[in-house]
Amino acid sequence: MARNPKNIFLQAYDDHAEAIYRHCYFRVYSKARAEDLMQEAFTKLWVYMSDGKEIENIRALLYKIATNLIIDESRKKKEAELDAMLENDQIAEPSYAGHKDIERNTLLANIKEQMADLEEDERTLLTLRYFDDLDPKEIAEIMNITANNVSVKLNRAMQSLKKLL
């Protein structure tokens, strides 16, 4: 028995909204903008589903939509300085449990600062893998490359980040 698209959508929202928000946040470093991007990603998902299109992996599709929205936005306007964004956000990380561990925040702030110096593809890969906890196969689907290529690029991105740290 086929499930109602509305129910599928609502379940996808319940299952993935926080993760998509965190993904957006670690790419744009703005709580308000991350919320807007997350909502826009779900709006695009709803339109896609309303058109009756088949979806094999809703999670991967949501990450792909969110990533494309972030890339489109960065192409439209020049990114603001990371320092200014961190000052505006008080270096607060999104947290579903609400914990404010000072050591972790300091480490994350340092990593975020250094990630700003990486290439866009490297930032995307590291965010998807280590902040969003996606496996290489899911990342490959999102970025339209092979899983092997994801692993190679992740390794190179980690080496670049280590040099910066």
N, C-alpha and C. Protein backbone atom coordinates (compact mmCIF):
# COMPACT_ATOMS: atom_id res chain seq x y z
N MET A 1 0.84 -1.18 0.00
CA MET A 1 0.00 0.00 0.00
C MET A 1 0.89 1.25 0.00
N ALA A 2 0.67 2.12 -0.96
CA ALA A 2 1.48 3.34 -1.09
C ALA A 2 1.13 4.31 0.03
N ARG A 3 2.15 4.92 0.58
CA ARG A 3 1.94 5.89 1.66
C ARG A 3 1.60 7.25 1.06
N ASN A 4 0.86 8.00 1.80
CA ASN A 4 0.46 9.34 1.42
C ASN A 4 1.70 10.24 1.38
N PRO A 5 1.90 11.00 0.28
CA PRO A 5 3.07 11.89 0.20
C PRO A 5 3.16 12.87 1.37
N LYS A 6 2.01 13.33 1.87
CA LYS A 6 2.01 14.25 3.00
C LYS A 6 2.61 13.57 4.23
N ASN A 7 2.23 12.33 4.48
CA ASN A 7 2.77 11.59 5.63
C ASN A 7 4.26 11.31 5.46
N ILE A 8 4.67 10.99 4.25
CA ILE A 8 6.10 10.75 3.97
C ILE A 8 6.89 12.03 4.23
N PHE A 9 6.35 13.15 3.74
CA PHE A 9 7.01 14.43 3.93
C PHE A 9 7.13 14.78 5.42
N LEU A 10 6.03 14.64 6.16
CA LEU A 10 6.04 14.96 7.58
C LEU A 10 7.02 14.07 8.34
N GLN A 11 7.10 12.80 7.96
CA GLN A 11 8.05 11.90 8.60
C GLN A 11 9.48 12.32 8.27
N ALA A 12 9.72 12.71 7.02
CA ALA A 12 11.06 13.17 6.61
C ALA A 12 11.44 14.42 7.40
N TYR A 13 10.48 15.32 7.61
CA TYR A 13 10.76 16.53 8.38
C TYR A 13 11.13 16.17 9.81
N ASP A 14 10.33 15.30 10.42
CA ASP A 14 10.62 14.88 11.80
C ASP A 14 11.98 14.21 11.91
N ASP A 15 12.33 13.40 10.92
CA ASP A 15 13.57 12.62 10.97
C ASP A 15 14.82 13.45 10.64
N HIS A 16 14.68 14.47 9.78
CA HIS A 16 15.88 15.09 9.22
C HIS A 16 16.00 16.60 9.42
N ALA A 17 15.02 17.27 9.97
CA ALA A 17 15.06 18.73 10.07
C ALA A 17 16.25 19.23 10.89
N GLU A 18 16.51 18.62 12.04
CA GLU A 18 17.63 19.07 12.87
C GLU A 18 18.97 18.86 12.16
N ALA A 19 19.12 17.73 11.51
CA ALA A 19 20.38 17.44 10.81
C ALA A 19 20.59 18.40 9.64
N ILE A 20 19.54 18.69 8.90
CA ILE A 20 19.66 19.63 7.78
C ILE A 20 19.98 21.03 8.31
N TYR A 21 19.36 21.41 9.43
CA TYR A 21 19.67 22.70 10.04
C TYR A 21 21.15 22.77 10.42
N ARG A 22 21.66 21.73 11.09
CA ARG A 22 23.07 21.74 11.51
C ARG A 22 23.98 21.80 10.28
N HIS A 23 23.63 21.06 9.24
CA HIS A 23 24.42 21.08 8.01
C HIS A 23 24.48 22.51 7.47
N CYS A 24 23.35 23.16 7.40
CA CYS A 24 23.30 24.53 6.89
C CYS A 24 24.08 25.48 7.81
N TYR A 25 23.91 25.31 9.11
CA TYR A 25 24.59 26.19 10.06
C TYR A 25 26.11 26.12 9.88
N PHE A 26 26.65 24.91 9.77
CA PHE A 26 28.10 24.77 9.66
C PHE A 26 28.62 25.18 8.29
N ARG A 27 27.74 25.52 7.39
CA ARG A 27 28.16 26.04 6.10
C ARG A 27 28.02 27.55 6.02
N VAL A 28 27.01 28.13 6.70
CA VAL A 28 26.79 29.57 6.60
C VAL A 28 27.08 30.32 7.90
N TYR A 29 27.23 29.61 9.02
CA TYR A 29 27.57 30.21 10.31
C TYR A 29 26.58 31.28 10.76
N SER A 30 25.32 31.10 10.42
CA SER A 30 24.27 32.04 10.82
C SER A 30 23.02 31.23 11.17
N LYS A 31 22.57 31.37 12.40
CA LYS A 31 21.40 30.61 12.83
C LYS A 31 20.17 30.94 11.99
N ALA A 32 19.91 32.22 11.80
CA ALA A 32 18.72 32.64 11.05
C ALA A 32 18.79 32.16 9.61
N ARG A 33 19.96 32.31 8.99
CA ARG A 33 20.10 31.90 7.59
C ARG A 33 20.02 30.38 7.48
N ALA A 34 20.57 29.66 8.45
CA ALA A 34 20.50 28.20 8.44
C ALA A 34 19.04 27.73 8.53
N GLU A 35 18.25 28.41 9.38
CA GLU A 35 16.83 28.07 9.48
C GLU A 35 16.12 28.32 8.16
N ASP A 36 16.41 29.46 7.53
CA ASP A 36 15.79 29.78 6.24
C ASP A 36 16.15 28.74 5.18
N LEU A 37 17.43 28.38 5.13
CA LEU A 37 17.87 27.40 4.14
C LEU A 37 17.24 26.03 4.39
N MET A 38 17.13 25.64 5.66
CA MET A 38 16.51 24.37 6.00
C MET A 38 15.05 24.37 5.55
N GLN A 39 14.33 25.46 5.83
CA GLN A 39 12.93 25.55 5.42
C GLN A 39 12.80 25.54 3.90
N GLU A 40 13.70 26.24 3.23
CA GLU A 40 13.67 26.27 1.77
C GLU A 40 13.94 24.88 1.19
N ALA A 41 14.84 24.13 1.82
CA ALA A 41 15.13 22.77 1.36
C ALA A 41 13.89 21.89 1.47
N PHE A 42 13.18 22.01 2.58
CA PHE A 42 11.97 21.21 2.75
C PHE A 42 10.85 21.68 1.81
N THR A 43 10.81 22.97 1.53
CA THR A 43 9.83 23.46 0.56
C THR A 43 10.10 22.87 -0.81
N LYS A 44 11.37 22.86 -1.22
CA LYS A 44 11.73 22.27 -2.51
C LYS A 44 11.43 20.77 -2.54
N LEU A 45 11.66 20.09 -1.41
CA LEU A 45 11.33 18.67 -1.32
C LEU A 45 9.84 18.47 -1.51
N TRP A 46 9.02 19.30 -0.88
CA TRP A 46 7.57 19.18 -1.00
C TRP A 46 7.13 19.38 -2.45
N VAL A 47 7.69 20.40 -3.11
CA VAL A 47 7.35 20.65 -4.52
C VAL A 47 7.74 19.44 -5.36
N TYR A 48 8.93 18.90 -5.10
CA TYR A 48 9.41 17.72 -5.83
C TYR A 48 8.46 16.54 -5.62
N MET A 49 8.05 16.33 -4.37
CA MET A 49 7.14 15.22 -4.07
C MET A 49 5.76 15.47 -4.65
N SER A 50 5.31 16.72 -4.63
CA SER A 50 3.99 17.06 -5.16
C SER A 50 3.90 16.83 -6.67
N ASP A 51 5.04 16.91 -7.33
CA ASP A 51 5.09 16.64 -8.77
C ASP A 51 5.02 15.14 -9.06
N GLY A 52 5.01 14.33 -7.99
CA GLY A 52 4.89 12.88 -8.15
C GLY A 52 6.17 12.17 -8.52
N LYS A 53 7.29 12.82 -8.31
CA LYS A 53 8.58 12.23 -8.67
C LYS A 53 9.00 11.19 -7.63
N GLU A 54 9.65 10.14 -8.09
CA GLU A 54 10.14 9.07 -7.22
C GLU A 54 11.37 9.53 -6.44
N ILE A 55 11.43 9.16 -5.18
CA ILE A 55 12.58 9.49 -4.34
C ILE A 55 13.08 8.20 -3.72
N GLU A 56 14.32 7.85 -4.04
CA GLU A 56 14.90 6.63 -3.47
C GLU A 56 15.42 6.87 -2.06
N ASN A 57 16.09 8.01 -1.84
CA ASN A 57 16.71 8.30 -0.56
C ASN A 57 16.40 9.75 -0.19
N ILE A 58 15.38 9.94 0.64
CA ILE A 58 14.95 11.30 1.00
C ILE A 58 16.06 12.06 1.72
N ARG A 59 16.79 11.38 2.59
CA ARG A 59 17.87 12.04 3.35
C ARG A 59 18.92 12.61 2.39
N ALA A 60 19.37 11.78 1.46
CA ALA A 60 20.38 12.24 0.50
C ALA A 60 19.85 13.38 -0.36
N LEU A 61 18.59 13.28 -0.77
CA LEU A 61 18.00 14.34 -1.59
C LEU A 61 17.94 15.65 -0.80
N LEU A 62 17.56 15.59 0.48
CA LEU A 62 17.52 16.80 1.30
C LEU A 62 18.90 17.43 1.44
N TYR A 63 19.92 16.62 1.67
CA TYR A 63 21.28 17.16 1.77
C TYR A 63 21.71 17.77 0.44
N LYS A 64 21.34 17.13 -0.63
CA LYS A 64 21.71 17.66 -1.95
C LYS A 64 21.02 19.00 -2.20
N ILE A 65 19.74 19.09 -1.88
CA ILE A 65 19.00 20.34 -2.05
C ILE A 65 19.62 21.43 -1.18
N ALA A 66 19.87 21.12 0.10
CA ALA A 66 20.44 22.11 1.02
C ALA A 66 21.82 22.56 0.54
N THR A 67 22.65 21.62 0.12
CA THR A 67 23.99 21.96 -0.37
C THR A 67 23.91 22.85 -1.59
N ASN A 68 23.00 22.54 -2.51
CA ASN A 68 22.84 23.37 -3.71
C ASN A 68 22.35 24.77 -3.35
N LEU A 69 21.44 24.87 -2.38
CA LEU A 69 20.98 26.19 -1.94
C LEU A 69 22.13 27.02 -1.36
N ILE A 70 22.96 26.36 -0.58
CA ILE A 70 24.11 27.04 0.03
C ILE A 70 25.08 27.51 -1.04
N ILE A 71 25.36 26.65 -1.99
CA ILE A 71 26.28 27.01 -3.08
C ILE A 71 25.70 28.15 -3.91
N ASP A 72 24.40 28.09 -4.22
CA ASP A 72 23.76 29.17 -4.98
C ASP A 72 23.87 30.49 -4.23
N GLU A 73 23.64 30.44 -2.93
CA GLU A 73 23.72 31.67 -2.14
C GLU A 73 25.13 32.25 -2.13
N SER A 74 26.12 31.36 -1.99
CA SER A 74 27.50 31.86 -1.94
C SER A 74 27.93 32.44 -3.28
N ARG A 75 27.33 31.96 -4.35
CA ARG A 75 27.66 32.51 -5.67
C ARG A 75 27.01 33.88 -5.86
N LYS A 76 25.87 34.10 -5.22
CA LYS A 76 25.14 35.36 -5.40
C LYS A 76 25.78 36.52 -4.66
N LYS A 77 26.36 36.24 -3.53
CA LYS A 77 26.98 37.33 -2.76
C LYS A 77 28.30 36.87 -2.18
N LYS A 78 29.18 37.80 -2.00
CA LYS A 78 30.48 37.49 -1.43
C LYS A 78 30.30 37.16 0.04
N GLU A 79 31.02 36.12 0.51
CA GLU A 79 30.90 35.72 1.90
C GLU A 79 31.45 36.82 2.83
N ALA A 80 30.75 37.01 3.93
CA ALA A 80 31.21 37.97 4.94
C ALA A 80 32.39 37.36 5.69
N GLU A 81 33.14 38.17 6.37
CA GLU A 81 34.28 37.68 7.14
C GLU A 81 33.81 36.72 8.22
N LEU A 82 34.51 35.61 8.40
CA LEU A 82 34.14 34.63 9.41
C LEU A 82 34.16 35.24 10.80
N ASP A 83 35.13 36.08 11.07
CA ASP A 83 35.20 36.70 12.40
C ASP A 83 33.94 37.48 12.71
N ALA A 84 33.43 38.24 11.76
CA ALA A 84 32.22 39.03 11.98
C ALA A 84 31.03 38.13 12.24
N MET A 85 30.95 37.04 11.50
CA MET A 85 29.83 36.11 11.70
C MET A 85 29.92 35.45 13.06
N LEU A 86 31.12 35.07 13.48
CA LEU A 86 31.26 34.43 14.78
C LEU A 86 30.92 35.40 15.91
N GLU A 87 31.29 36.68 15.76
CA GLU A 87 30.95 37.68 16.77
C GLU A 87 29.44 37.85 16.87
N ASN A 88 28.78 37.88 15.73
CA ASN A 88 27.32 38.03 15.72
C ASN A 88 26.63 36.84 16.34
N ASP A 89 27.20 35.65 16.17
CA ASP A 89 26.58 34.44 16.69
C ASP A 89 27.09 34.06 18.07
N GLN A 90 27.98 34.84 18.63
CA GLN A 90 28.55 34.57 19.95
C GLN A 90 29.19 33.18 20.01
N ILE A 91 29.70 32.71 18.90
CA ILE A 91 30.38 31.42 18.78
C ILE A 91 29.54 30.29 19.39
N ALA A 92 28.26 30.37 19.25
CA ALA A 92 27.39 29.32 19.79
C ALA A 92 27.13 28.28 18.71
N GLU A 93 27.35 27.05 19.05
CA GLU A 93 27.05 25.97 18.12
C GLU A 93 25.62 25.52 18.33
N PRO A 94 24.97 25.01 17.27
CA PRO A 94 23.63 24.46 17.47
C PRO A 94 23.77 23.16 18.23
N SER A 95 22.87 22.91 19.13
CA SER A 95 22.97 21.70 19.92
C SER A 95 21.58 21.20 20.26
N TYR A 96 21.31 19.97 19.92
CA TYR A 96 20.00 19.42 20.22
C TYR A 96 19.87 19.12 21.70
N ALA A 97 20.95 18.92 22.41
CA ALA A 97 20.88 18.61 23.83
C ALA A 97 21.02 19.87 24.69
N GLY A 98 21.45 20.98 24.09
CA GLY A 98 21.54 22.24 24.81
C GLY A 98 22.80 22.39 25.65
N HIS A 99 23.77 21.51 25.52
CA HIS A 99 24.99 21.61 26.31
C HIS A 99 25.92 22.68 25.74
N LYS A 100 26.56 23.43 26.60
CA LYS A 100 27.50 24.48 26.20
C LYS A 100 28.88 24.17 26.78
N ASP A 101 29.54 23.23 26.18
CA ASP A 101 30.86 22.83 26.66
C ASP A 101 31.89 23.80 26.09
N ILE A 102 32.52 24.57 26.95
CA ILE A 102 33.45 25.63 26.55
C ILE A 102 34.60 25.08 25.71
N GLU A 103 35.17 23.98 26.13
CA GLU A 103 36.29 23.40 25.40
C GLU A 103 35.88 23.03 23.98
N ARG A 104 34.74 22.39 23.84
CA ARG A 104 34.25 21.99 22.52
C ARG A 104 33.95 23.21 21.66
N ASN A 105 33.34 24.23 22.24
CA ASN A 105 33.05 25.44 21.49
C ASN A 105 34.32 26.11 20.99
N THR A 106 35.35 26.13 21.83
CA THR A 106 36.62 26.72 21.43
C THR A 106 37.24 25.94 20.29
N LEU A 107 37.23 24.63 20.42
CA LEU A 107 37.77 23.78 19.36
C LEU A 107 36.98 23.95 18.06
N LEU A 108 35.65 23.95 18.16
CA LEU A 108 34.83 24.12 16.97
C LEU A 108 35.04 25.49 16.34
N ALA A 109 35.18 26.52 17.15
CA ALA A 109 35.43 27.85 16.61
C ALA A 109 36.75 27.89 15.84
N ASN A 110 37.78 27.23 16.38
CA ASN A 110 39.07 27.16 15.70
C ASN A 110 38.94 26.39 14.39
N ILE A 111 38.24 25.28 14.43
CA ILE A 111 38.06 24.48 13.21
C ILE A 111 37.26 25.28 12.18
N LYS A 112 36.18 25.93 12.61
CA LYS A 112 35.37 26.73 11.68
C LYS A 112 36.21 27.84 11.05
N GLU A 113 37.04 28.46 11.87
CA GLU A 113 37.90 29.53 11.36
C GLU A 113 38.85 29.00 10.29
N GLN A 114 39.45 27.86 10.55
CA GLN A 114 40.40 27.28 9.60
C GLN A 114 39.68 26.74 8.36
N MET A 115 38.48 26.21 8.55
CA MET A 115 37.73 25.68 7.40
C MET A 115 37.38 26.77 6.40
N ALA A 116 37.26 28.00 6.87
CA ALA A 116 36.95 29.10 5.96
C ALA A 116 38.06 29.30 4.93
N ASP A 117 39.28 28.84 5.25
CA ASP A 117 40.40 28.98 4.33
C ASP A 117 40.50 27.83 3.33
N LEU A 118 39.66 26.82 3.50
CA LEU A 118 39.66 25.68 2.57
C LEU A 118 38.84 26.02 1.33
N GLU A 119 39.05 25.22 0.29
CA GLU A 119 38.24 25.34 -0.92
C GLU A 119 36.80 24.95 -0.59
N GLU A 120 35.85 25.45 -1.37
CA GLU A 120 34.42 25.18 -1.14
C GLU A 120 34.14 23.67 -1.13
N ASP A 121 34.71 22.92 -2.08
CA ASP A 121 34.48 21.48 -2.13
C ASP A 121 35.02 20.78 -0.88
N GLU A 122 36.16 21.23 -0.39
CA GLU A 122 36.74 20.64 0.81
C GLU A 122 35.84 20.91 2.02
N ARG A 123 35.35 22.15 2.14
CA ARG A 123 34.44 22.48 3.25
C ARG A 123 33.17 21.64 3.18
N THR A 124 32.64 21.50 1.97
CA THR A 124 31.42 20.71 1.79
C THR A 124 31.64 19.27 2.22
N LEU A 125 32.71 18.67 1.73
CA LEU A 125 33.01 17.27 2.08
C LEU A 125 33.18 17.08 3.58
N LEU A 126 33.98 17.93 4.21
CA LEU A 126 34.23 17.80 5.65
C LEU A 126 32.95 18.01 6.46
N THR A 127 32.12 18.95 6.04
CA THR A 127 30.87 19.20 6.74
C THR A 127 29.93 18.00 6.63
N LEU A 128 29.78 17.49 5.41
CA LEU A 128 28.90 16.34 5.21
C LEU A 128 29.38 15.13 5.99
N ARG A 129 30.69 14.91 6.02
CA ARG A 129 31.21 13.70 6.66
C ARG A 129 31.28 13.82 8.18
N TYR A 130 31.84 14.90 8.68
CA TYR A 130 32.14 14.96 10.11
C TYR A 130 31.13 15.75 10.94
N PHE A 131 30.40 16.67 10.35
CA PHE A 131 29.37 17.39 11.10
C PHE A 131 28.01 16.72 10.90
N ASP A 132 27.74 16.24 9.67
CA ASP A 132 26.45 15.63 9.37
C ASP A 132 26.48 14.11 9.47
N ASP A 133 27.68 13.55 9.63
CA ASP A 133 27.86 12.12 9.84
C ASP A 133 27.29 11.26 8.70
N LEU A 134 27.47 11.73 7.47
CA LEU A 134 27.05 10.95 6.32
C LEU A 134 28.19 10.04 5.89
N ASP A 135 27.84 8.88 5.34
CA ASP A 135 28.89 7.99 4.87
C ASP A 135 29.30 8.38 3.45
N PRO A 136 30.45 7.90 2.98
CA PRO A 136 30.94 8.29 1.65
C PRO A 136 29.96 8.00 0.52
N LYS A 137 29.19 6.92 0.65
CA LYS A 137 28.22 6.59 -0.40
C LYS A 137 27.14 7.67 -0.49
N GLU A 138 26.65 8.13 0.66
CA GLU A 138 25.63 9.19 0.66
C GLU A 138 26.22 10.51 0.15
N ILE A 139 27.44 10.80 0.54
CA ILE A 139 28.10 12.02 0.07
C ILE A 139 28.28 11.95 -1.45
N ALA A 140 28.65 10.79 -1.95
CA ALA A 140 28.84 10.60 -3.38
C ALA A 140 27.54 10.91 -4.13
N GLU A 141 26.42 10.44 -3.58
CA GLU A 141 25.13 10.68 -4.21
C GLU A 141 24.80 12.17 -4.20
N ILE A 142 25.10 12.84 -3.11
CA ILE A 142 24.81 14.27 -2.99
C ILE A 142 25.66 15.09 -3.94
N MET A 143 26.95 14.72 -4.06
CA MET A 143 27.89 15.53 -4.84
C MET A 143 28.09 15.04 -6.28
N ASN A 144 27.37 13.98 -6.65
CA ASN A 144 27.46 13.42 -8.01
C ASN A 144 28.88 12.99 -8.38
N ILE A 145 29.55 12.31 -7.43
CA ILE A 145 30.86 11.73 -7.69
C ILE A 145 30.86 10.31 -7.12
N THR A 146 31.90 9.55 -7.38
CA THR A 146 31.95 8.18 -6.88
C THR A 146 32.33 8.17 -5.39
N ALA A 147 31.96 7.11 -4.71
CA ALA A 147 32.30 6.97 -3.29
C ALA A 147 33.81 6.93 -3.12
N ASN A 148 34.51 6.30 -4.05
CA ASN A 148 35.97 6.26 -3.99
C ASN A 148 36.55 7.67 -4.10
N ASN A 149 36.00 8.45 -5.00
CA ASN A 149 36.45 9.84 -5.17
C ASN A 149 36.18 10.64 -3.90
N VAL A 150 35.06 10.38 -3.25
CA VAL A 150 34.75 11.04 -1.98
C VAL A 150 35.84 10.74 -0.96
N SER A 151 36.21 9.46 -0.85
CA SER A 151 37.23 9.07 0.14
C SER A 151 38.56 9.75 -0.14
N VAL A 152 38.96 9.80 -1.39
CA VAL A 152 40.22 10.43 -1.76
C VAL A 152 40.17 11.93 -1.43
N LYS A 153 39.07 12.58 -1.82
CA LYS A 153 38.95 14.02 -1.58
C LYS A 153 38.85 14.33 -0.09
N LEU A 154 38.18 13.46 0.68
CA LEU A 154 38.11 13.65 2.13
C LEU A 154 39.49 13.58 2.75
N ASN A 155 40.26 12.61 2.31
CA ASN A 155 41.63 12.46 2.82
C ASN A 155 42.44 13.72 2.53
N ARG A 156 42.34 14.23 1.33
CA ARG A 156 43.08 15.44 0.96
C ARG A 156 42.58 16.66 1.74
N ALA A 157 41.27 16.75 1.93
CA ALA A 157 40.70 17.87 2.69
C ALA A 157 41.17 17.83 4.14
N MET A 158 41.23 16.64 4.71
CA MET A 158 41.72 16.49 6.10
C MET A 158 43.18 16.91 6.18
N GLN A 159 43.98 16.53 5.19
CA GLN A 159 45.40 16.93 5.18
C GLN A 159 45.50 18.46 5.10
N SER A 160 44.69 19.07 4.27
CA SER A 160 44.70 20.54 4.16
C SER A 160 44.31 21.19 5.47
N LEU A 161 43.26 20.65 6.11
CA LEU A 161 42.81 21.21 7.39
C LEU A 161 43.87 21.03 8.47
N LYS A 162 44.52 19.88 8.51
CA LYS A 162 45.57 19.65 9.50
C LYS A 162 46.71 20.63 9.35
N LYS A 163 47.05 20.94 8.10
CA LYS A 163 48.12 21.93 7.86
C LYS A 163 47.72 23.29 8.42
N LEU A 164 46.45 23.64 8.24
CA LEU A 164 45.98 24.94 8.73
C LEU A 164 45.90 24.98 10.26
N LEU A 165 45.57 23.86 10.87
CA LEU A 165 45.47 23.82 12.33
C LEU A 165 46.84 23.77 12.95
